[in-house]
Amino acid sequence: MGKAARGGVGVLLLMVELTGCGVLASPVTAAQQECERSGGAWRDGTCDRAVRPGY
């Protein structure tokens, strides 16, 4: 592979990582996001589904 092609691949990989497509979320981050999507509140590393924002 030529120098220019390697540079292009490097730039492409960097762009993918910056958009978040190339980076896998850590298990804690994924659990926190799922907790918040389901209406829970993330507190001290656990999901508290009894808490409802605004109440």
N, C-alpha and C. Protein backbone atom coordinates (compact mmCIF):
# COMPACT_ATOMS: atom_id res chain seq x y z
N MET A 1 0.86 -1.16 0.00
CA MET A 1 0.00 0.00 0.00
C MET A 1 0.91 1.22 0.00
N GLY A 2 0.53 2.19 -0.81
CA GLY A 2 1.34 3.40 -0.92
C GLY A 2 1.17 4.30 0.28
N LYS A 3 2.09 5.26 0.37
CA LYS A 3 2.08 6.18 1.50
C LYS A 3 0.79 7.00 1.55
N ALA A 4 0.33 7.45 0.39
CA ALA A 4 -0.89 8.25 0.33
C ALA A 4 -2.11 7.41 0.75
N ALA A 5 -2.15 6.17 0.33
CA ALA A 5 -3.28 5.30 0.68
C ALA A 5 -3.30 5.02 2.17
N ARG A 6 -2.13 4.79 2.77
CA ARG A 6 -2.07 4.56 4.22
C ARG A 6 -2.54 5.79 4.97
N GLY A 7 -2.15 6.96 4.49
CA GLY A 7 -2.60 8.21 5.12
C GLY A 7 -4.10 8.36 5.03
N GLY A 8 -4.67 8.01 3.88
CA GLY A 8 -6.12 8.09 3.69
C GLY A 8 -6.86 7.15 4.62
N VAL A 9 -6.33 5.94 4.78
CA VAL A 9 -6.95 4.97 5.68
C VAL A 9 -6.87 5.49 7.11
N GLY A 10 -5.73 6.06 7.48
CA GLY A 10 -5.57 6.62 8.82
C GLY A 10 -6.57 7.73 9.10
N VAL A 11 -6.76 8.62 8.13
CA VAL A 11 -7.72 9.71 8.29
C VAL A 11 -9.13 9.16 8.40
N LEU A 12 -9.46 8.16 7.59
CA LEU A 12 -10.78 7.55 7.64
C LEU A 12 -11.04 6.91 9.00
N LEU A 13 -10.07 6.18 9.53
CA LEU A 13 -10.23 5.56 10.85
C LEU A 13 -10.40 6.61 11.94
N LEU A 14 -9.66 7.69 11.85
CA LEU A 14 -9.78 8.77 12.82
C LEU A 14 -11.17 9.39 12.78
N MET A 15 -11.69 9.60 11.58
CA MET A 15 -13.02 10.19 11.44
C MET A 15 -14.09 9.26 12.03
N VAL A 16 -13.95 7.97 11.80
CA VAL A 16 -14.92 7.00 12.34
C VAL A 16 -14.89 7.03 13.86
N GLU A 17 -13.69 7.08 14.45
CA GLU A 17 -13.60 7.11 15.91
C GLU A 17 -14.16 8.40 16.48
N LEU A 18 -13.93 9.52 15.81
CA LEU A 18 -14.42 10.79 16.31
C LEU A 18 -15.94 10.89 16.27
N THR A 19 -16.56 10.21 15.32
CA THR A 19 -18.02 10.23 15.25
C THR A 19 -18.65 9.24 16.22
N GLY A 20 -17.85 8.40 16.84
CA GLY A 20 -18.37 7.45 17.81
C GLY A 20 -18.73 6.11 17.23
N CYS A 21 -18.61 5.95 15.94
CA CYS A 21 -18.98 4.69 15.29
C CYS A 21 -17.94 3.61 15.55
N GLY A 22 -16.71 3.99 15.74
CA GLY A 22 -15.64 3.00 15.89
C GLY A 22 -15.30 2.70 17.32
N VAL A 23 -15.94 3.34 18.26
CA VAL A 23 -15.60 3.16 19.66
C VAL A 23 -16.74 2.43 20.36
N LEU A 24 -16.41 1.33 20.96
CA LEU A 24 -17.43 0.59 21.72
C LEU A 24 -17.54 1.20 23.10
N ALA A 25 -18.74 1.33 23.58
CA ALA A 25 -18.96 1.88 24.92
C ALA A 25 -18.54 0.86 25.96
N SER A 26 -18.03 1.33 27.07
CA SER A 26 -17.68 0.42 28.15
C SER A 26 -18.97 -0.18 28.70
N PRO A 27 -18.87 -1.33 29.35
CA PRO A 27 -20.09 -1.94 29.91
C PRO A 27 -20.82 -1.03 30.89
N VAL A 28 -20.08 -0.25 31.67
CA VAL A 28 -20.72 0.65 32.63
C VAL A 28 -21.47 1.75 31.89
N THR A 29 -20.83 2.32 30.86
CA THR A 29 -21.47 3.38 30.08
C THR A 29 -22.73 2.84 29.41
N ALA A 30 -22.64 1.65 28.83
CA ALA A 30 -23.80 1.06 28.17
C ALA A 30 -24.92 0.80 29.17
N ALA A 31 -24.58 0.32 30.35
CA ALA A 31 -25.59 0.06 31.37
C ALA A 31 -26.24 1.37 31.82
N GLN A 32 -25.42 2.41 31.96
CA GLN A 32 -25.96 3.71 32.38
C GLN A 32 -26.91 4.25 31.33
N GLN A 33 -26.54 4.16 30.07
CA GLN A 33 -27.40 4.65 28.99
C GLN A 33 -28.71 3.87 28.93
N GLU A 34 -28.64 2.56 29.08
CA GLU A 34 -29.85 1.74 29.07
C GLU A 34 -30.74 2.07 30.25
N CYS A 35 -30.13 2.29 31.41
CA CYS A 35 -30.90 2.66 32.60
C CYS A 35 -31.66 3.96 32.37
N GLU A 36 -30.96 4.96 31.85
CA GLU A 36 -31.59 6.27 31.63
C GLU A 36 -32.65 6.21 30.54
N ARG A 37 -32.43 5.38 29.50
CA ARG A 37 -33.43 5.24 28.43
C ARG A 37 -34.71 4.59 28.96
N SER A 38 -34.54 3.70 29.93
CA SER A 38 -35.72 3.00 30.47
C SER A 38 -36.41 3.80 31.57
N GLY A 39 -35.94 5.02 31.82
CA GLY A 39 -36.61 5.87 32.79
C GLY A 39 -36.01 5.83 34.18
N GLY A 40 -34.92 5.12 34.36
CA GLY A 40 -34.28 5.05 35.67
C GLY A 40 -33.29 6.18 35.87
N ALA A 41 -32.71 6.21 37.05
CA ALA A 41 -31.68 7.20 37.39
C ALA A 41 -30.42 6.45 37.78
N TRP A 42 -29.29 6.81 37.19
CA TRP A 42 -28.01 6.17 37.47
C TRP A 42 -27.41 6.80 38.72
N ARG A 43 -27.27 6.02 39.77
CA ARG A 43 -26.75 6.52 41.04
C ARG A 43 -25.67 5.57 41.56
N ASP A 44 -24.48 6.09 41.76
CA ASP A 44 -23.36 5.34 42.35
C ASP A 44 -23.15 3.97 41.71
N GLY A 45 -23.24 3.91 40.40
CA GLY A 45 -22.96 2.68 39.68
C GLY A 45 -24.10 1.69 39.60
N THR A 46 -25.28 2.09 40.02
CA THR A 46 -26.44 1.20 39.92
C THR A 46 -27.62 1.98 39.33
N CYS A 47 -28.56 1.23 38.82
CA CYS A 47 -29.74 1.84 38.22
C CYS A 47 -30.88 1.83 39.22
N ASP A 48 -31.41 2.99 39.49
CA ASP A 48 -32.54 3.12 40.40
C ASP A 48 -33.76 3.46 39.57
N ARG A 49 -34.60 2.47 39.34
CA ARG A 49 -35.76 2.67 38.48
C ARG A 49 -36.95 3.26 39.25
N ALA A 50 -36.85 3.36 40.57
CA ALA A 50 -37.94 3.91 41.37
C ALA A 50 -37.96 5.43 41.29
N VAL A 51 -36.86 6.05 40.93
CA VAL A 51 -36.75 7.50 40.86
C VAL A 51 -37.28 7.96 39.51
N ARG A 52 -38.19 8.92 39.55
CA ARG A 52 -38.73 9.48 38.32
C ARG A 52 -38.43 10.98 38.32
N PRO A 53 -37.70 11.45 37.33
CA PRO A 53 -37.38 12.88 37.27
C PRO A 53 -38.65 13.74 37.29
N GLY A 54 -38.64 14.80 38.07
CA GLY A 54 -39.75 15.70 38.13
C GLY A 54 -40.78 15.37 39.20
N TYR A 55 -40.58 14.30 39.93
CA TYR A 55 -41.53 13.92 40.98
C TYR A 55 -40.92 14.10 42.34
